[in-house]
Amino acid sequence: MPLTRISIVAAILIASAMILLVLAFGFFLTRAKAALIPIPQVGQMAFDFTLPSQEGTPVSLHQFRGQWVVLYFYPKDQTPGCTLEARHFQRDLSQYAAAHAVVLGVSVDSAKSHQSFCAKNGLRFTLLADQEKKVAADYGSLNNYMGFKIAKRNTFLINPEGKIVKEWIGVDPNHHSVEVLAALQELQKKN
């Protein structure tokens, strides 16, 4: 029996629907795998790492033992939300210094991209380039966005002994630095 135009169109539609189902399943499977990577918990020792700074020099988390560390992950240099968040950390930098805290920003952008981002926005704190995406993954902060892997907007406050004492997941960049400072001051009062 010869194929009619209707049966050819129907076959194409069925094949297209099958392809879409396979792609959707792959997308949801990838998202589910990303969701399985645990976020470090409060009370847990922070994972140590070494990454290049915006200047290209290696920076290790253990270098900051004895100080408070604000380890914040952000999606992308030069984007509106990330720029706002970074500018607010810069605005409050003297308050962090007075509290014996350092601010470390991490994204999957390159050191060169970070250097440009710092120069354009007058940032004087350290940005780290996680181009292999390992540190973001270790901190449960790696996200698939339209087929690209970027860092999620998560922050971890680490005490001078190297333990995570507070975490913020999916932060709002508009007032996040103020939140972190308030938590830092509250925790320091308790110690």
Foldseek 3Di string as FASTA:
>chain_A
DDDDPVNVVVVVVVVVVVVVVVVVVVVVVVQVVLQPLDADDFVAFQDWDWFAWLVRDIDIPVVLQQAKEKEWEDFDAPDDLVLLLQLVCQVCVVLRVVLRYAYEYEKQDDSPSNNVSCVVNVGDGIYGHPVVCPSLSNNSFWDQDPNDIMGAGKIFIAHSNRGTHDIDGRDRSNCVVVVVSVVSVVVVVVD
